[in-house]
Structures are given as C-alpha cells and as structure tokens.
C-alpha cells in the first residue's frame, strides 16, 4: 500500500471521528443534561451504624436520583433525535460531494455513520422501545440507501459490457 493511500485512510477516519465528536459535544453544549444529584458527604462514613441523619440523607438522595433518571430518559430521546438529524445531514452532504473530493466525502460519510451510532446509543438510553425501534428502522433505511447509492448505483457503468 502506498504511503499516500494509508495517509488518506487515516485522514478519512480522523475526519469522521472528529465530525461525530463535534456533533456530540455541540448537542451537549447547547442542550445541557439535567443536573445530577450530589452524593451527600454525610454518607461517606464507613463502619458505623447509620444515624437518622444519614438515613434521611440517603432517602433524599435516592429520591433525587430517581427523579434524575426519569428526567434523563426524555433528554436521551431528544439528543438521539438531534444526532439522527445531524447524521442524515452529514450522510447527504457526503453523497453530494462524493465525486468532487472523495477522501473528504468519505470522512463526512464516516462521521455521519459514527453520529448515527451515537444516535442509536442515546436512543437505547431513552428506555422507550417504540422510539428505539423507529430509530433503528430509520438508521437501517439510511444505511441501506447510502450503501446502494455509494457502492452499487455508482458502479453500474462498469458492469454493463457488450457481449460481442
């Protein structure tokens, strides 16, 4: 393998990874997660019978943690929706530029696929099986269309040869 082709593969992978991280941190920056409860310092004592103050602090923390977990489910669903939209946009951009600057288009495609995986993971964390099924279905359709468009439709002119 030539040095240039190895470098272009590394560059393509790096562009893809950087785009996915960009989308993830961008969503986190402008759509912040609900604040997680702070573990009470009074519970850091080990080896003694818990006092009534510690039991009350533990119960309060458990209640806050349940509320936090409940708030995270719709948050994860919303993040998944945003990441899914970004993934579709990135994949569309990669198809638009696939014949102009191939290694950048490949990097954008890889970034879209990584972002799609991120969307699926956040969708799983939403805890809603119908939503998860919808996201997986959309992801499957997008990947199949992208694969067909990229690897089959783009190469049909090579397979049509006259028999004479």
C-alpha atoms as a PDB file:
ATOM      1  CA  UNK A   1       0.000   0.000   0.000  1.00  0.00           C
ATOM      2  CA  UNK A   2       1.326   3.419  -0.878  1.00  0.00           C
ATOM      3  CA  UNK A   3       2.063   5.963   1.836  1.00  0.00           C
ATOM      4  CA  UNK A   4      -0.484   8.397   0.359  1.00  0.00           C
ATOM      5  CA  UNK A   5      -3.294   5.836   0.480  1.00  0.00           C
ATOM      6  CA  UNK A   6      -2.508   4.960   4.100  1.00  0.00           C
ATOM      7  CA  UNK A   7      -2.464   8.636   4.993  1.00  0.00           C
ATOM      8  CA  UNK A   8      -5.782   9.233   3.211  1.00  0.00           C
ATOM      9  CA  UNK A   9      -7.375   6.329   5.133  1.00  0.00           C
ATOM     10  CA  UNK A  10      -6.131   7.756   8.429  1.00  0.00           C
ATOM     11  CA  UNK A  11      -7.313  11.228   7.405  1.00  0.00           C
ATOM     12  CA  UNK A  12     -10.740   9.903   6.396  1.00  0.00           C
ATOM     13  CA  UNK A  13     -11.133   8.088   9.717  1.00  0.00           C
ATOM     14  CA  UNK A  14      -9.987  11.166  11.652  1.00  0.00           C
ATOM     15  CA  UNK A  15     -12.439  13.454   9.810  1.00  0.00           C
ATOM     16  CA  UNK A  16     -15.252  11.001  10.552  1.00  0.00           C
ATOM     17  CA  UNK A  17     -14.371  10.691  14.212  1.00  0.00           C
ATOM     18  CA  UNK A  18     -13.936  14.445  14.615  1.00  0.00           C
ATOM     19  CA  UNK A  19     -17.318  15.148  12.987  1.00  0.00           C
ATOM     20  CA  UNK A  20     -19.093  12.714  15.315  1.00  0.00           C
ATOM     21  CA  UNK A  21     -17.382  14.233  18.365  1.00  0.00           C
ATOM     22  CA  UNK A  22     -18.247  17.715  17.058  1.00  0.00           C
ATOM     23  CA  UNK A  23     -21.932  16.795  16.796  1.00  0.00           C
ATOM     24  CA  UNK A  24     -21.977  15.113  20.222  1.00  0.00           C
ATOM     25  CA  UNK A  25     -20.270  17.971  22.036  1.00  0.00           C
ATOM     26  CA  UNK A  26     -22.278  20.530  20.084  1.00  0.00           C
ATOM     27  CA  UNK A  27     -25.514  18.971  21.270  1.00  0.00           C
ATOM     28  CA  UNK A  28     -24.180  18.761  24.826  1.00  0.00           C
ATOM     29  CA  UNK A  29     -23.081  22.407  24.738  1.00  0.00           C
ATOM     30  CA  UNK A  30     -26.371  23.865  23.556  1.00  0.00           C
ATOM     31  CA  UNK A  31     -28.767  21.321  25.079  1.00  0.00           C
ATOM     32  CA  UNK A  32     -27.458  20.545  28.543  1.00  0.00           C
ATOM     33  CA  UNK A  33     -28.419  17.488  30.521  1.00  0.00           C
ATOM     34  CA  UNK A  34     -30.458  17.706  33.694  1.00  0.00           C
ATOM     35  CA  UNK A  35     -28.165  18.193  36.685  1.00  0.00           C
ATOM     36  CA  UNK A  36     -27.313  15.006  38.530  1.00  0.00           C
ATOM     37  CA  UNK A  37     -27.837  14.897  42.293  1.00  0.00           C
ATOM     38  CA  UNK A  38     -24.801  15.322  44.504  1.00  0.00           C
ATOM     39  CA  UNK A  39     -23.917  12.447  46.756  1.00  0.00           C
ATOM     40  CA  UNK A  40     -24.289  13.657  50.358  1.00  0.00           C
ATOM     41  CA  UNK A  41     -20.965  13.896  52.180  1.00  0.00           C
ATOM     42  CA  UNK A  42     -22.620  12.745  55.418  1.00  0.00           C
ATOM     43  CA  UNK A  43     -22.860   9.280  53.836  1.00  0.00           C
ATOM     44  CA  UNK A  44     -19.078   8.935  53.409  1.00  0.00           C
ATOM     45  CA  UNK A  45     -18.667   7.489  56.909  1.00  0.00           C
ATOM     46  CA  UNK A  46     -17.918   3.758  56.832  1.00  0.00           C
ATOM     47  CA  UNK A  47     -18.072   1.170  59.558  1.00  0.00           C
ATOM     48  CA  UNK A  48     -20.659   2.729  61.879  1.00  0.00           C
ATOM     49  CA  UNK A  49     -24.366   2.205  62.209  1.00  0.00           C
ATOM     50  CA  UNK A  50     -26.150   4.827  60.119  1.00  0.00           C
ATOM     51  CA  UNK A  51     -27.636   7.670  62.083  1.00  0.00           C
ATOM     52  CA  UNK A  52     -31.121   9.025  61.468  1.00  0.00           C
ATOM     53  CA  UNK A  53     -29.488  11.986  59.687  1.00  0.00           C
ATOM     54  CA  UNK A  54     -27.652   9.598  57.352  1.00  0.00           C
ATOM     55  CA  UNK A  55     -30.791   7.559  56.673  1.00  0.00           C
ATOM     56  CA  UNK A  56     -32.718  10.732  55.843  1.00  0.00           C
ATOM     57  CA  UNK A  57     -29.873  11.934  53.580  1.00  0.00           C
ATOM     58  CA  UNK A  58     -29.776   8.545  51.825  1.00  0.00           C
ATOM     59  CA  UNK A  59     -33.544   8.579  51.267  1.00  0.00           C
ATOM     60  CA  UNK A  60     -33.397  12.144  49.923  1.00  0.00           C
ATOM     61  CA  UNK A  61     -30.517  11.242  47.604  1.00  0.00           C
ATOM     62  CA  UNK A  62     -32.359   8.125  46.360  1.00  0.00           C
ATOM     63  CA  UNK A  63     -35.450  10.219  45.603  1.00  0.00           C
ATOM     64  CA  UNK A  64     -33.376  12.847  43.759  1.00  0.00           C
ATOM     65  CA  UNK A  65     -31.582  10.113  41.813  1.00  0.00           C
ATOM     66  CA  UNK A  66     -34.890   8.538  40.709  1.00  0.00           C
ATOM     67  CA  UNK A  67     -36.104  11.956  39.513  1.00  0.00           C
ATOM     68  CA  UNK A  68     -32.815  12.472  37.676  1.00  0.00           C
ATOM     69  CA  UNK A  69     -33.082   9.076  35.966  1.00  0.00           C
ATOM     70  CA  UNK A  70     -36.658   9.886  34.923  1.00  0.00           C
ATOM     71  CA  UNK A  71     -35.549  13.264  33.502  1.00  0.00           C
ATOM     72  CA  UNK A  72     -32.695  11.639  31.574  1.00  0.00           C
ATOM     73  CA  UNK A  73     -34.993   9.403  29.508  1.00  0.00           C
ATOM     74  CA  UNK A  74     -36.648  12.217  27.507  1.00  0.00           C
ATOM     75  CA  UNK A  75     -33.315  14.042  27.393  1.00  0.00           C
ATOM     76  CA  UNK A  76     -31.650  10.989  25.798  1.00  0.00           C
ATOM     77  CA  UNK A  77     -34.535  10.681  23.337  1.00  0.00           C
ATOM     78  CA  UNK A  78     -34.178  14.343  22.337  1.00  0.00           C
ATOM     79  CA  UNK A  79     -30.402  14.030  21.965  1.00  0.00           C
ATOM     80  CA  UNK A  80     -30.959  10.935  19.840  1.00  0.00           C
ATOM     81  CA  UNK A  81     -33.354  12.846  17.572  1.00  0.00           C
ATOM     82  CA  UNK A  82     -30.863  15.708  17.151  1.00  0.00           C
ATOM     83  CA  UNK A  83     -27.977  13.324  16.457  1.00  0.00           C
ATOM     84  CA  UNK A  84     -30.097  11.363  13.983  1.00  0.00           C
ATOM     85  CA  UNK A  85     -30.901  14.575  12.109  1.00  0.00           C
ATOM     86  CA  UNK A  86     -27.230  15.549  12.071  1.00  0.00           C
ATOM     87  CA  UNK A  87     -26.269  12.069  10.841  1.00  0.00           C
ATOM     88  CA  UNK A  88     -28.725  12.261   7.960  1.00  0.00           C
ATOM     89  CA  UNK A  89     -27.449  15.731   7.010  1.00  0.00           C
ATOM     90  CA  UNK A  90     -23.829  14.544   7.102  1.00  0.00           C
ATOM     91  CA  UNK A  91     -24.637  11.488   5.007  1.00  0.00           C
ATOM     92  CA  UNK A  92     -26.476  13.631   2.467  1.00  0.00           C
ATOM     93  CA  UNK A  93     -23.503  16.002   2.278  1.00  0.00           C
ATOM     94  CA  UNK A  94     -21.180  13.054   1.708  1.00  0.00           C
ATOM     95  CA  UNK A  95     -23.307  11.925  -1.235  1.00  0.00           C
ATOM     96  CA  UNK A  96     -23.373  15.417  -2.725  1.00  0.00           C
ATOM     97  CA  UNK A  97     -19.570  15.687  -2.663  1.00  0.00           C
ATOM     98  CA  UNK A  98     -18.660  12.044  -3.361  1.00  0.00           C
ATOM     99  CA  UNK A  99     -17.421  12.757  -6.906  1.00  0.00           C
ATOM    100  CA  UNK A 100     -15.595  16.003  -6.123  1.00  0.00           C
ATOM    101  CA  UNK A 101     -13.300  15.410  -3.152  1.00  0.00           C
ATOM    102  CA  UNK A 102     -13.533  11.697  -2.461  1.00  0.00           C
ATOM    103  CA  UNK A 103     -11.475  11.365   0.732  1.00  0.00           C
ATOM    104  CA  UNK A 104     -13.269  14.280   2.429  1.00  0.00           C
ATOM    105  CA  UNK A 105     -16.652  12.932   1.303  1.00  0.00           C
ATOM    106  CA  UNK A 106     -15.643   9.549   2.740  1.00  0.00           C
ATOM    107  CA  UNK A 107     -14.689  11.215   6.020  1.00  0.00           C
ATOM    108  CA  UNK A 108     -18.024  13.034   6.149  1.00  0.00           C
ATOM    109  CA  UNK A 109     -19.795   9.739   5.388  1.00  0.00           C
ATOM    110  CA  UNK A 110     -17.902   8.014   8.187  1.00  0.00           C
ATOM    111  CA  UNK A 111     -18.733  10.908  10.516  1.00  0.00           C
ATOM    112  CA  UNK A 112     -22.392  10.518   9.611  1.00  0.00           C
ATOM    113  CA  UNK A 113     -22.239   6.807  10.348  1.00  0.00           C
ATOM    114  CA  UNK A 114     -20.492   7.391  13.696  1.00  0.00           C
ATOM    115  CA  UNK A 115     -23.122  10.025  14.534  1.00  0.00           C
ATOM    116  CA  UNK A 116     -25.834   7.542  13.596  1.00  0.00           C
ATOM    117  CA  UNK A 117     -24.333   5.031  16.035  1.00  0.00           C
ATOM    118  CA  UNK A 118     -24.263   7.765  18.712  1.00  0.00           C
ATOM    119  CA  UNK A 119     -27.936   8.454  17.997  1.00  0.00           C
ATOM    120  CA  UNK A 120     -28.766   4.764  18.378  1.00  0.00           C
ATOM    121  CA  UNK A 121     -26.919   4.544  21.700  1.00  0.00           C
ATOM    122  CA  UNK A 122     -28.723   7.613  23.069  1.00  0.00           C
ATOM    123  CA  UNK A 123     -31.975   6.156  21.757  1.00  0.00           C
ATOM    124  CA  UNK A 124     -31.375   2.957  23.744  1.00  0.00           C
ATOM    125  CA  UNK A 125     -30.864   5.091  26.855  1.00  0.00           C
ATOM    126  CA  UNK A 126     -34.309   6.652  26.368  1.00  0.00           C
ATOM    127  CA  UNK A 127     -35.902   3.426  27.578  1.00  0.00           C
ATOM    128  CA  UNK A 128     -38.751   3.694  25.055  1.00  0.00           C
ATOM    129  CA  UNK A 129     -38.891   0.534  22.943  1.00  0.00           C
ATOM    130  CA  UNK A 130     -41.100   2.093  20.250  1.00  0.00           C
ATOM    131  CA  UNK A 131     -38.748   5.022  19.854  1.00  0.00           C
ATOM    132  CA  UNK A 132     -35.757   2.668  19.744  1.00  0.00           C
ATOM    133  CA  UNK A 133     -37.451   0.641  17.003  1.00  0.00           C
ATOM    134  CA  UNK A 134     -38.156   3.806  14.980  1.00  0.00           C
ATOM    135  CA  UNK A 135     -34.541   5.000  15.298  1.00  0.00           C
ATOM    136  CA  UNK A 136     -33.181   1.573  14.330  1.00  0.00           C
ATOM    137  CA  UNK A 137     -35.569   1.473  11.348  1.00  0.00           C
ATOM    138  CA  UNK A 138     -34.519   4.923  10.176  1.00  0.00           C
ATOM    139  CA  UNK A 139     -30.867   4.004  10.662  1.00  0.00           C
ATOM    140  CA  UNK A 140     -31.301   0.796   8.692  1.00  0.00           C
ATOM    141  CA  UNK A 141     -33.043   2.565   5.799  1.00  0.00           C
ATOM    142  CA  UNK A 142     -30.425   5.324   5.726  1.00  0.00           C
ATOM    143  CA  UNK A 143     -27.541   2.836   5.732  1.00  0.00           C
ATOM    144  CA  UNK A 144     -29.125   0.662   3.031  1.00  0.00           C
ATOM    145  CA  UNK A 145     -29.865   3.662   0.787  1.00  0.00           C
ATOM    146  CA  UNK A 146     -26.385   5.047   1.376  1.00  0.00           C
ATOM    147  CA  UNK A 147     -24.759   1.693   0.680  1.00  0.00           C
ATOM    148  CA  UNK A 148     -26.760   1.184  -2.502  1.00  0.00           C
ATOM    149  CA  UNK A 149     -26.115   4.691  -3.709  1.00  0.00           C
ATOM    150  CA  UNK A 150     -22.432   4.616  -2.836  1.00  0.00           C
ATOM    151  CA  UNK A 151     -21.412   1.087  -3.787  1.00  0.00           C
ATOM    152  CA  UNK A 152     -23.971  -0.207  -6.306  1.00  0.00           C
ATOM    153  CA  UNK A 153     -25.534   2.698  -8.224  1.00  0.00           C
ATOM    154  CA  UNK A 154     -22.201   4.463  -8.597  1.00  0.00           C
ATOM    155  CA  UNK A 155     -20.581   1.417 -10.224  1.00  0.00           C
ATOM    156  CA  UNK A 156     -23.289   0.277 -12.645  1.00  0.00           C
ATOM    157  CA  UNK A 157     -21.463   1.688 -15.663  1.00  0.00           C
ATOM    158  CA  UNK A 158     -18.640  -0.828 -15.117  1.00  0.00           C
ATOM    159  CA  UNK A 159     -20.854  -3.895 -15.175  1.00  0.00           C
ATOM    160  CA  UNK A 160     -22.744  -3.146 -18.406  1.00  0.00           C
ATOM    161  CA  UNK A 161     -20.408  -4.547 -21.086  1.00  0.00           C
ATOM    162  CA  UNK A 162     -21.448  -5.723 -24.513  1.00  0.00           C
ATOM    163  CA  UNK A 163     -21.127  -9.460 -25.136  1.00  0.00           C
ATOM    164  CA  UNK A 164     -19.696  -9.123 -28.693  1.00  0.00           C
END
